């Protein structure tokens, strides 16, 4: 039966349709063919990258249908890539006809080795997932463990479980990966925060939060929540976990019992020590967290909670943070020009991330815009208006942001850029320098997706950084 399929099953009896030929879909199709399944791959795109992957899969005797917009083909199982909305006709059609639907995570869980599979430490949240996952991997390795980070972070989890042998896996999970998980049982899991995001994908915030909630189902040891974000605590309270699983909180304040927090500039543990009723154990200095911003300290606490749940000793937490190298485009310092600080936080692709970034600096020229994904910016502007020197907006939904600023921060100047090509960044940087004063920060924290003008958020951030350096080079006598 499909419900019992695993690594050692006879897959030759089954026809599996994989929807999507991106990184996740390609890895799923490849793994299933290795196991002997009959595989069909469908994708509504037909660009060069899809054609390249299709050619490889066809040589392995997979059926590949590009530019496909029809109903789900007859099959025994549908495996869906995270890019497909739950409302996609392939998914709704499969459900209506009784075809089981699995996501990439579910398939990866089923394909783990039968003997001594690596436990999963799972991280989700609207923002901070990649940073926290990379911090966790660094802590695990500092503790002497053979560990890897995979999943939404860019390394296919299916590839990892099929081809590599690790003692533990730090798994980054985005909300679009969660609707079709059924049997995953992580060692420990955390939801960092919840804010509006992917509303266009899920159709409502309630559906988005319901997807996030699945991260805690069947958690075995520690269900970790953000004590400073009530919504995450509620998810843990409502979760159907394994008997004996503990609820562990983290906070930027002084921790209560069974929590991690901050005391006198140190990250401390009152959850995984024997005398937690009366004491706390220092894990690391907050100053060791880089980039040193409050939300990154929160990420470090979440990662530390998962590491401690996996019995990583305290010295390895500090060593892991010191060894940690932040991913690109996350509050990354680009240059200082005539006393003005330029920062690339292109990864801030929603309002929650943008707000967190903006509040980290006292006075900001905010570079915003792109594809708003159905978000409302009114609350964001109300929260950050005291920090704003000026706002420069780009992209297809720039008017949404400009109108929010005019309503809630009418004294803040707003400049809308009409250009829709990537060269607009040079004009943006010059305009920002016209608004900024020495000591200010010019901050690219768009609050929006990048696909209207750029390949992805990385392309957007690199274009911004290149424009800053080009501008700096033209200013004779200015320090960079």
Protein backbone atom coordinates (compact mmCIF):
# COMPACT_ATOMS: atom_id res chain seq x y z
CA UNK A 1 0.00 0.00 0.00
CA UNK A 2 1.07 3.58 -0.72
CA UNK A 3 0.69 4.54 2.94
CA UNK A 4 3.46 2.09 3.90
CA UNK A 5 5.93 2.85 1.11
CA UNK A 6 9.52 3.44 2.23
CA UNK A 7 13.14 3.10 1.21
CA UNK A 8 13.05 -0.72 1.04
CA UNK A 9 9.66 -1.04 -0.72
CA UNK A 10 9.17 -2.47 -4.19
CA UNK A 11 8.57 0.79 -6.08
CA UNK A 12 8.43 -0.95 -9.45
CA UNK A 13 4.71 -1.57 -8.86
CA UNK A 14 3.90 2.13 -8.76
CA UNK A 15 3.46 4.98 -11.22
CA UNK A 16 4.41 8.29 -9.59
CA UNK A 17 3.74 11.71 -11.09
CA UNK A 18 6.11 14.45 -9.95
CA UNK A 19 4.72 17.96 -10.39
CA UNK A 20 7.49 20.48 -10.97
CA UNK A 21 10.95 20.11 -12.43
CA UNK A 22 12.82 22.59 -10.23
CA UNK A 23 15.50 21.62 -7.69
CA UNK A 24 13.03 19.71 -5.50
CA UNK A 25 11.06 18.04 -8.28
CA UNK A 26 14.17 16.99 -10.18
CA UNK A 27 15.66 15.38 -7.05
CA UNK A 28 12.39 13.59 -6.28
CA UNK A 29 12.09 12.20 -9.80
CA UNK A 30 15.71 11.06 -9.83
CA UNK A 31 15.38 9.30 -6.47
CA UNK A 32 12.15 7.56 -7.43
CA UNK A 33 13.66 6.24 -10.64
CA UNK A 34 16.65 4.92 -8.70
CA UNK A 35 14.17 2.97 -6.60
CA UNK A 36 12.52 1.52 -9.71
CA UNK A 37 9.29 3.50 -9.86
CA UNK A 38 7.70 4.47 -13.17
CA UNK A 39 7.95 8.25 -13.14
CA UNK A 40 6.19 10.98 -15.08
CA UNK A 41 7.19 14.62 -14.57
CA UNK A 42 4.92 17.52 -15.46
CA UNK A 43 5.73 21.24 -15.39
CA UNK A 44 3.84 24.20 -16.83
CA UNK A 45 7.11 25.88 -17.80
CA UNK A 46 9.30 25.08 -20.77
CA UNK A 47 12.30 27.36 -20.37
CA UNK A 48 15.98 26.48 -20.85
CA UNK A 49 16.44 25.16 -17.31
CA UNK A 50 13.35 22.97 -17.56
CA UNK A 51 14.49 21.69 -20.96
CA UNK A 52 17.94 20.85 -19.60
CA UNK A 53 16.56 18.86 -16.67
CA UNK A 54 13.94 17.21 -18.87
CA UNK A 55 16.61 15.97 -21.25
CA UNK A 56 18.52 14.31 -18.39
CA UNK A 57 15.41 12.71 -16.92
CA UNK A 58 14.32 11.40 -20.31
CA UNK A 59 17.67 9.65 -20.74
CA UNK A 60 16.82 7.87 -17.46
CA UNK A 61 13.51 6.79 -19.05
CA UNK A 62 11.22 9.21 -17.26
CA UNK A 63 8.25 10.64 -19.11
CA UNK A 64 8.50 14.45 -19.03
CA UNK A 65 5.70 16.79 -20.12
CA UNK A 66 6.72 20.45 -20.26
CA UNK A 67 4.24 23.27 -20.78
CA UNK A 68 1.67 20.99 -19.15
CA UNK A 69 -1.56 22.63 -17.99
CA UNK A 70 -3.92 19.66 -17.90
CA UNK A 71 -5.40 17.53 -15.13
CA UNK A 72 -3.27 15.13 -13.11
CA UNK A 73 -2.39 12.05 -15.18
CA UNK A 74 -3.61 8.69 -13.93
CA UNK A 75 -1.13 7.48 -11.31
CA UNK A 76 -0.68 5.84 -7.89
CA UNK A 77 0.96 8.84 -6.18
CA UNK A 78 1.42 12.56 -6.83
CA UNK A 79 4.58 14.21 -5.45
CA UNK A 80 4.33 18.00 -5.55
CA UNK A 81 6.99 20.67 -5.53
CA UNK A 82 6.58 23.56 -3.03
CA UNK A 83 6.02 26.04 -5.84
CA UNK A 84 2.54 24.63 -6.54
CA UNK A 85 -0.29 26.27 -4.64
CA UNK A 86 -2.59 23.88 -2.75
CA UNK A 87 -5.37 25.16 -5.02
CA UNK A 88 -3.54 24.01 -8.17
CA UNK A 89 -5.76 21.80 -10.32
CA UNK A 90 -3.19 19.00 -10.31
CA UNK A 91 -3.46 18.80 -6.52
CA UNK A 92 -7.20 19.34 -6.21
CA UNK A 93 -7.79 16.84 -9.02
CA UNK A 94 -5.64 14.21 -7.33
CA UNK A 95 -7.40 14.68 -4.00
CA UNK A 96 -10.81 14.50 -5.66
CA UNK A 97 -9.96 11.20 -7.32
CA UNK A 98 -8.34 9.64 -4.25
CA UNK A 99 -4.71 9.85 -5.43
CA UNK A 100 -2.37 10.36 -2.43
CA UNK A 101 -0.43 13.65 -2.48
CA UNK A 102 3.01 13.95 -0.87
CA UNK A 103 5.33 16.92 -0.67
CA UNK A 104 9.10 16.76 -1.05
CA UNK A 105 9.55 16.54 2.74
CA UNK A 106 7.23 13.57 3.03
CA UNK A 107 9.09 11.72 0.28
CA UNK A 108 12.45 12.52 1.90
CA UNK A 109 11.21 11.19 5.25
CA UNK A 110 10.01 7.95 3.61
CA UNK A 111 13.32 7.49 1.79
CA UNK A 112 15.56 7.70 4.84
CA UNK A 113 17.78 4.66 5.42
CA UNK A 114 16.04 1.87 7.31
CA UNK A 115 18.97 1.41 9.71
CA UNK A 116 20.02 4.36 11.90
CA UNK A 117 18.46 7.20 9.91
CA UNK A 118 19.71 10.67 10.86
CA UNK A 119 17.29 12.54 13.17
CA UNK A 120 15.85 15.81 11.85
CA UNK A 121 16.03 19.13 13.70
CA UNK A 122 13.47 21.23 11.85
CA UNK A 123 13.26 25.02 11.56
CA UNK A 124 10.47 27.13 10.11
CA UNK A 125 9.16 30.67 10.58
CA UNK A 126 8.27 33.64 8.44
CA UNK A 127 11.76 35.08 8.78
CA UNK A 128 15.21 33.97 9.92
CA UNK A 129 14.97 30.32 8.82
CA UNK A 130 18.16 30.18 6.81
CA UNK A 131 20.23 32.05 9.38
CA UNK A 132 18.97 29.90 12.26
CA UNK A 133 19.52 26.70 10.25
CA UNK A 134 23.08 27.66 9.38
CA UNK A 135 23.75 28.62 13.00
CA UNK A 136 22.40 25.25 14.11
CA UNK A 137 24.59 23.38 11.63
CA UNK A 138 27.62 25.30 12.91
CA UNK A 139 26.77 24.46 16.54
CA UNK A 140 26.26 20.78 15.75
CA UNK A 141 29.59 20.58 13.96
CA UNK A 142 31.34 22.44 16.76
CA UNK A 143 29.93 19.74 19.03
CA UNK A 144 31.75 17.09 17.02
CA UNK A 145 28.72 15.83 15.10
CA UNK A 146 28.67 14.89 11.44
CA UNK A 147 25.86 17.29 10.49
CA UNK A 148 24.47 19.05 7.43
CA UNK A 149 21.81 21.65 6.66
CA UNK A 150 19.30 20.85 3.92
CA UNK A 151 15.79 21.50 2.67
CA UNK A 152 14.57 24.99 1.86
CA UNK A 153 18.12 26.24 2.37
CA UNK A 154 19.00 25.09 -1.16
CA UNK A 155 20.36 21.56 -0.68
CA UNK A 156 17.81 18.92 -1.66
CA UNK A 157 16.74 16.91 1.37
CA UNK A 158 15.86 13.98 -0.87
CA UNK A 159 19.40 13.98 -2.26
CA UNK A 160 20.86 14.07 1.26
CA UNK A 161 18.86 11.13 2.61
CA UNK A 162 19.45 9.08 -0.53
CA UNK A 163 23.18 9.57 -0.95
CA UNK A 164 24.83 10.79 2.26
CA UNK A 165 25.32 9.52 5.80
CA UNK A 166 25.00 12.02 8.67
CA UNK A 167 24.42 11.83 12.40
CA UNK A 168 21.85 14.64 12.31
CA UNK A 169 20.26 16.96 9.72
CA UNK A 170 19.29 20.60 10.28
CA UNK A 171 16.22 20.98 8.07
CA UNK A 172 14.99 24.39 6.93
CA UNK A 173 11.32 24.27 5.99
CA UNK A 174 9.29 26.93 4.19
CA UNK A 175 5.51 27.05 4.57
CA UNK A 176 4.86 25.92 0.95
CA UNK A 177 6.63 22.64 1.78
CA UNK A 178 4.28 21.78 4.64
CA UNK A 179 0.72 21.16 3.37
CA UNK A 180 1.42 17.61 2.21
CA UNK A 181 3.44 16.06 5.05
CA UNK A 182 1.82 13.09 6.75
CA UNK A 183 4.29 10.96 8.72
CA UNK A 184 7.33 13.16 9.47
CA UNK A 185 8.38 12.91 13.12
CA UNK A 186 11.25 15.31 13.85
CA UNK A 187 13.53 14.93 16.85
CA UNK A 188 12.87 18.60 17.66
CA UNK A 189 11.32 21.56 15.83
CA UNK A 190 11.02 25.32 16.11
CA UNK A 191 8.80 28.01 14.63
CA UNK A 192 10.77 31.26 14.86
CA UNK A 193 7.94 33.71 14.23
CA UNK A 194 4.71 34.17 12.30
CA UNK A 195 3.71 37.17 10.20
CA UNK A 196 1.83 37.74 6.96
CA UNK A 197 3.59 36.03 4.06
CA UNK A 198 2.74 33.71 1.16
CA UNK A 199 -0.86 34.94 1.34
CA UNK A 200 -1.08 34.67 -2.44
CA UNK A 201 0.09 31.05 -2.22
CA UNK A 202 -2.26 29.90 0.55
CA UNK A 203 -5.20 32.23 -0.03
CA UNK A 204 -5.49 33.38 3.59
CA UNK A 205 -3.41 33.91 6.72
CA UNK A 206 -5.36 31.17 8.48
CA UNK A 207 -4.29 28.65 5.84
CA UNK A 208 -0.70 29.89 6.06
CA UNK A 209 -0.62 29.50 9.86
CA UNK A 210 -2.24 26.06 9.59
CA UNK A 211 0.60 25.00 7.30
CA UNK A 212 3.20 26.29 9.76
CA UNK A 213 1.49 24.35 12.56
CA UNK A 214 2.31 21.05 10.83
CA UNK A 215 5.97 21.54 11.76
CA UNK A 216 5.24 20.37 15.32
CA UNK A 217 3.17 17.29 14.52
CA UNK A 218 4.76 14.12 15.95
CA UNK A 219 7.75 16.05 17.38
CA UNK A 220 9.64 13.74 19.74
CA UNK A 221 11.88 15.71 22.14
CA UNK A 222 11.45 19.51 22.03
CA UNK A 223 8.81 21.76 20.46
CA UNK A 224 10.46 25.17 20.54
CA UNK A 225 8.52 28.43 20.37
CA UNK A 226 9.26 32.16 20.45
CA UNK A 227 8.03 33.50 23.79
CA UNK A 228 8.04 36.98 22.25
CA UNK A 229 5.65 35.85 19.48
CA UNK A 230 2.39 34.61 20.97
CA UNK A 231 1.28 32.89 17.77
CA UNK A 232 4.18 30.42 17.93
CA UNK A 233 3.34 29.49 21.53
CA UNK A 234 -0.24 28.74 20.49
CA UNK A 235 1.04 26.42 17.74
CA UNK A 236 2.98 24.42 20.32
CA UNK A 237 0.06 24.31 22.75
CA UNK A 238 -2.21 22.92 20.03
CA UNK A 239 0.33 20.50 18.55
CA UNK A 240 -0.15 16.74 18.58
CA UNK A 241 3.35 15.76 19.70
CA UNK A 242 4.87 12.49 20.89
CA UNK A 243 4.27 11.78 24.58
CA UNK A 244 7.08 13.27 26.66
CA UNK A 245 7.97 16.01 24.16
CA UNK A 246 8.77 19.26 26.01
CA UNK A 247 7.67 22.80 25.14
CA UNK A 248 10.76 25.03 25.18
CA UNK A 249 10.61 28.81 24.81
CA UNK A 250 13.20 31.38 23.81
CA UNK A 251 13.13 35.11 24.50
CA UNK A 252 15.30 38.20 24.14
CA UNK A 253 14.51 38.89 27.80
CA UNK A 254 15.30 37.04 31.01
CA UNK A 255 14.17 33.43 30.52
CA UNK A 256 11.61 31.68 32.66
CA UNK A 257 11.70 28.00 33.51
CA UNK A 258 12.23 25.70 30.49
CA UNK A 259 13.37 28.62 28.35
CA UNK A 260 16.49 30.13 26.80
CA UNK A 261 17.06 33.87 26.95
CA UNK A 262 19.47 36.74 27.55
CA UNK A 263 20.92 37.84 30.90
CA UNK A 264 23.57 40.56 31.22
CA UNK A 265 24.61 40.25 27.59
CA UNK A 266 24.84 36.46 27.60
CA UNK A 267 22.71 33.77 25.97
CA UNK A 268 21.63 31.44 28.79
CA UNK A 269 19.84 28.10 29.15
CA UNK A 270 17.18 27.35 31.79
CA UNK A 271 15.75 24.40 29.89
CA UNK A 272 18.40 21.70 29.47
CA UNK A 273 20.20 21.80 32.83
CA UNK A 274 19.42 19.76 35.94
CA UNK A 275 19.08 22.71 38.32
CA UNK A 276 16.96 24.86 36.01
CA UNK A 277 14.62 25.78 38.89
CA UNK A 278 17.33 27.91 40.47
CA UNK A 279 20.02 28.59 37.86
CA UNK A 280 20.86 29.24 34.23
CA UNK A 281 23.86 28.12 32.22
CA UNK A 282 25.72 30.59 30.03
CA UNK A 283 25.99 29.41 26.43
CA UNK A 284 27.57 32.34 24.58
CA UNK A 285 27.89 36.10 24.60
CA UNK A 286 25.31 38.06 22.63
CA UNK A 287 28.24 39.97 21.10
CA UNK A 288 29.33 36.71 19.43
CA UNK A 289 26.19 36.76 17.28
CA UNK A 290 26.96 38.26 13.87
CA UNK A 291 25.46 40.29 12.28
CA UNK A 292 24.69 41.67 15.72
CA UNK A 293 21.02 42.63 15.59
CA UNK A 294 18.22 41.63 17.99
CA UNK A 295 16.48 39.34 15.52
CA UNK A 296 19.76 37.49 14.92
CA UNK A 297 20.17 36.99 18.67
CA UNK A 298 16.68 35.43 18.61
CA UNK A 299 17.78 33.18 15.73
CA UNK A 300 20.83 32.13 17.75
CA UNK A 301 18.66 31.28 20.77
CA UNK A 302 16.34 29.16 18.63
CA UNK A 303 19.26 27.30 17.08
CA UNK A 304 20.81 26.81 20.51
CA UNK A 305 17.54 25.36 21.83
CA UNK A 306 17.53 22.70 19.10
CA UNK A 307 21.23 21.98 19.59
CA UNK A 308 20.79 21.63 23.36
CA UNK A 309 17.78 19.34 22.80
CA UNK A 310 20.22 17.18 20.81
CA UNK A 311 22.58 17.19 23.82
CA UNK A 312 25.19 19.53 22.34
CA UNK A 313 27.33 20.84 25.21
CA UNK A 314 27.40 24.53 26.10
CA UNK A 315 30.96 25.31 24.86
CA UNK A 316 29.99 24.13 21.35
CA UNK A 317 27.16 26.69 21.22
CA UNK A 318 29.64 29.53 21.64
CA UNK A 319 32.17 27.93 19.30
CA UNK A 320 29.47 27.40 16.68
CA UNK A 321 28.39 31.03 16.79
CA UNK A 322 31.98 32.23 16.44
CA UNK A 323 32.49 29.96 13.43
CA UNK A 324 29.18 30.90 11.82
CA UNK A 325 29.35 32.76 8.51
CA UNK A 326 26.11 34.60 7.60
CA UNK A 327 24.49 33.92 4.25
CA UNK A 328 24.57 36.71 1.69
CA UNK A 329 21.96 39.47 1.46
CA UNK A 330 20.95 39.34 5.12
CA UNK A 331 21.69 42.72 6.76
CA UNK A 332 25.05 42.60 5.01
CA UNK A 333 27.32 45.65 5.23
CA UNK A 334 28.16 46.84 1.70
CA UNK A 335 30.10 50.09 2.15
CA UNK A 336 30.28 53.40 3.99
CA UNK A 337 30.30 56.45 1.75
CA UNK A 338 30.81 59.93 3.24
CA UNK A 339 29.61 58.68 6.61
CA UNK A 340 26.50 56.97 5.18
CA UNK A 341 26.16 53.22 5.79
CA UNK A 342 24.81 51.05 2.93
CA UNK A 343 23.26 47.72 3.98
CA UNK A 344 21.92 44.90 1.79
CA UNK A 345 18.99 43.03 3.33
CA UNK A 346 17.46 41.94 0.04
CA UNK A 347 16.32 38.72 1.76
CA UNK A 348 13.71 40.83 3.62
CA UNK A 349 10.98 39.79 1.21
CA UNK A 350 7.98 40.43 3.48
CA UNK A 351 6.79 43.16 5.82
CA UNK A 352 7.80 41.34 9.01
CA UNK A 353 11.39 40.94 7.84
CA UNK A 354 11.54 44.54 6.60
CA UNK A 355 10.21 45.86 9.91
CA UNK A 356 12.74 43.86 11.90
CA UNK A 357 15.56 45.19 9.75
CA UNK A 358 14.38 48.81 9.81
CA UNK A 359 14.08 48.85 13.59
CA UNK A 360 17.73 47.79 13.91
CA UNK A 361 18.91 51.24 12.71
CA UNK A 362 18.13 54.65 14.22
CA UNK A 363 17.77 56.61 10.96
CA UNK A 364 17.15 55.02 7.60
CA UNK A 365 16.67 55.81 3.93
CA UNK A 366 14.49 52.83 3.11
CA UNK A 367 14.73 51.17 -0.32
CA UNK A 368 11.54 49.15 -0.81
CA UNK A 369 9.26 47.56 -3.37
CA UNK A 370 8.80 44.71 -5.80
CA UNK A 371 5.96 42.18 -5.73
CA UNK A 372 3.92 42.75 -2.55
CA UNK A 373 2.32 39.26 -2.56
CA UNK A 374 -0.96 40.65 -1.25
CA UNK A 375 0.60 42.22 1.84
CA UNK A 376 -0.58 45.40 3.59
CA UNK A 377 2.15 47.88 4.62
CA UNK A 378 0.14 50.15 6.93
CA UNK A 379 1.18 48.50 10.19
CA UNK A 380 4.82 48.30 9.08
CA UNK A 381 4.96 52.04 8.34
CA UNK A 382 3.28 52.89 11.65
CA UNK A 383 5.89 50.85 13.52
CA UNK A 384 8.98 52.26 11.77
CA UNK A 385 8.03 55.84 10.86
CA UNK A 386 10.23 57.36 13.58
CA UNK A 387 13.24 55.66 11.92
CA UNK A 388 12.57 56.89 8.38
CA UNK A 389 14.59 59.69 6.78
CA UNK A 390 13.10 58.98 3.35
CA UNK A 391 11.62 56.15 1.29
CA UNK A 392 12.53 55.17 -2.27
CA UNK A 393 10.20 52.66 -3.94
CA UNK A 394 10.69 50.50 -7.02
CA UNK A 395 8.84 47.67 -8.73
CA UNK A 396 5.38 46.67 -9.78
CA UNK A 397 3.70 47.25 -6.39
CA UNK A 398 5.57 50.38 -5.36
CA UNK A 399 2.32 52.37 -5.09
CA UNK A 400 1.11 50.11 -2.25
CA UNK A 401 4.09 51.14 -0.12
CA UNK A 402 4.06 54.80 -1.19
CA UNK A 403 0.40 55.12 -0.25
CA UNK A 404 1.00 53.58 3.18
CA UNK A 405 3.82 56.04 3.82
CA UNK A 406 1.67 58.99 2.75
CA UNK A 407 -1.10 57.85 5.13
CA UNK A 408 0.95 57.03 8.20
CA UNK A 409 4.21 59.01 7.83
CA UNK A 410 3.17 62.05 5.74
CA UNK A 411 6.26 64.04 6.70
CA UNK A 412 8.61 61.40 5.24
CA UNK A 413 9.57 62.11 1.61
CA UNK A 414 8.81 59.33 -0.88
CA UNK A 415 10.47 58.95 -4.27
CA UNK A 416 8.92 56.56 -6.79
CA UNK A 417 11.18 55.19 -9.52
CA UNK A 418 9.58 54.63 -12.91
CA UNK A 419 12.30 52.46 -14.42
CA UNK A 420 11.57 48.76 -14.53
CA UNK A 421 15.02 47.49 -15.54
CA UNK A 422 17.78 46.47 -13.16
CA UNK A 423 19.73 49.63 -14.01
CA UNK A 424 17.34 51.47 -11.71
CA UNK A 425 19.60 50.55 -8.78
CA UNK A 426 22.22 53.08 -9.85
CA UNK A 427 19.62 55.83 -9.77
CA UNK A 428 18.28 54.55 -6.45
CA UNK A 429 21.71 54.72 -4.82
CA UNK A 430 22.33 58.26 -6.06
CA UNK A 431 18.90 59.38 -4.91
CA UNK A 432 19.38 57.76 -1.50
CA UNK A 433 22.66 59.62 -1.02
CA UNK A 434 20.77 62.84 -1.70
CA UNK A 435 18.43 62.13 1.22
CA UNK A 436 20.92 60.62 3.67
CA UNK A 437 22.98 62.44 6.28
CA UNK A 438 26.22 61.23 7.89
CA UNK A 439 25.37 58.50 10.38
CA UNK A 440 22.27 57.38 8.45
CA UNK A 441 21.81 53.93 6.92
CA UNK A 442 20.64 53.36 3.37
CA UNK A 443 18.85 50.04 3.77
CA UNK A 444 17.67 47.71 1.02
CA UNK A 445 14.90 45.87 2.89
CA UNK A 446 12.28 45.62 0.15
CA UNK A 447 9.45 43.89 2.02
CA UNK A 448 8.54 42.36 -1.35
CA UNK A 449 9.49 39.54 -3.67
CA UNK A 450 11.95 40.34 -6.45
CA UNK A 451 10.61 38.47 -9.47
CA UNK A 452 9.09 41.47 -11.22
CA UNK A 453 12.54 42.92 -11.99
CA UNK A 454 15.20 40.45 -10.84
CA UNK A 455 15.96 36.74 -11.05
CA UNK A 456 15.68 36.40 -7.27
CA UNK A 457 16.47 38.29 -4.08
CA UNK A 458 20.17 37.45 -4.48
CA UNK A 459 20.28 39.08 -7.92
CA UNK A 460 18.54 42.13 -6.46
CA UNK A 461 21.00 42.37 -3.57
CA UNK A 462 24.04 41.91 -5.79
CA UNK A 463 22.77 44.57 -8.20
CA UNK A 464 22.34 46.96 -5.27
CA UNK A 465 25.80 46.22 -3.85
CA UNK A 466 27.42 46.66 -7.27
CA UNK A 467 25.65 50.00 -7.70
CA UNK A 468 26.83 51.16 -4.27
CA UNK A 469 30.45 50.26 -5.00
CA UNK A 470 30.29 51.87 -8.44
CA UNK A 471 28.85 55.02 -6.90
CA UNK A 472 31.49 55.05 -4.16
CA UNK A 473 34.27 54.71 -6.72
CA UNK A 474 33.10 57.84 -8.53
CA UNK A 475 33.25 60.02 -5.38
CA UNK A 476 36.74 61.33 -5.15
CA UNK A 477 37.99 61.45 -1.58
CA UNK A 478 35.04 59.57 0.02
CA UNK A 479 35.88 56.62 2.26
CA UNK A 480 34.46 53.24 1.35
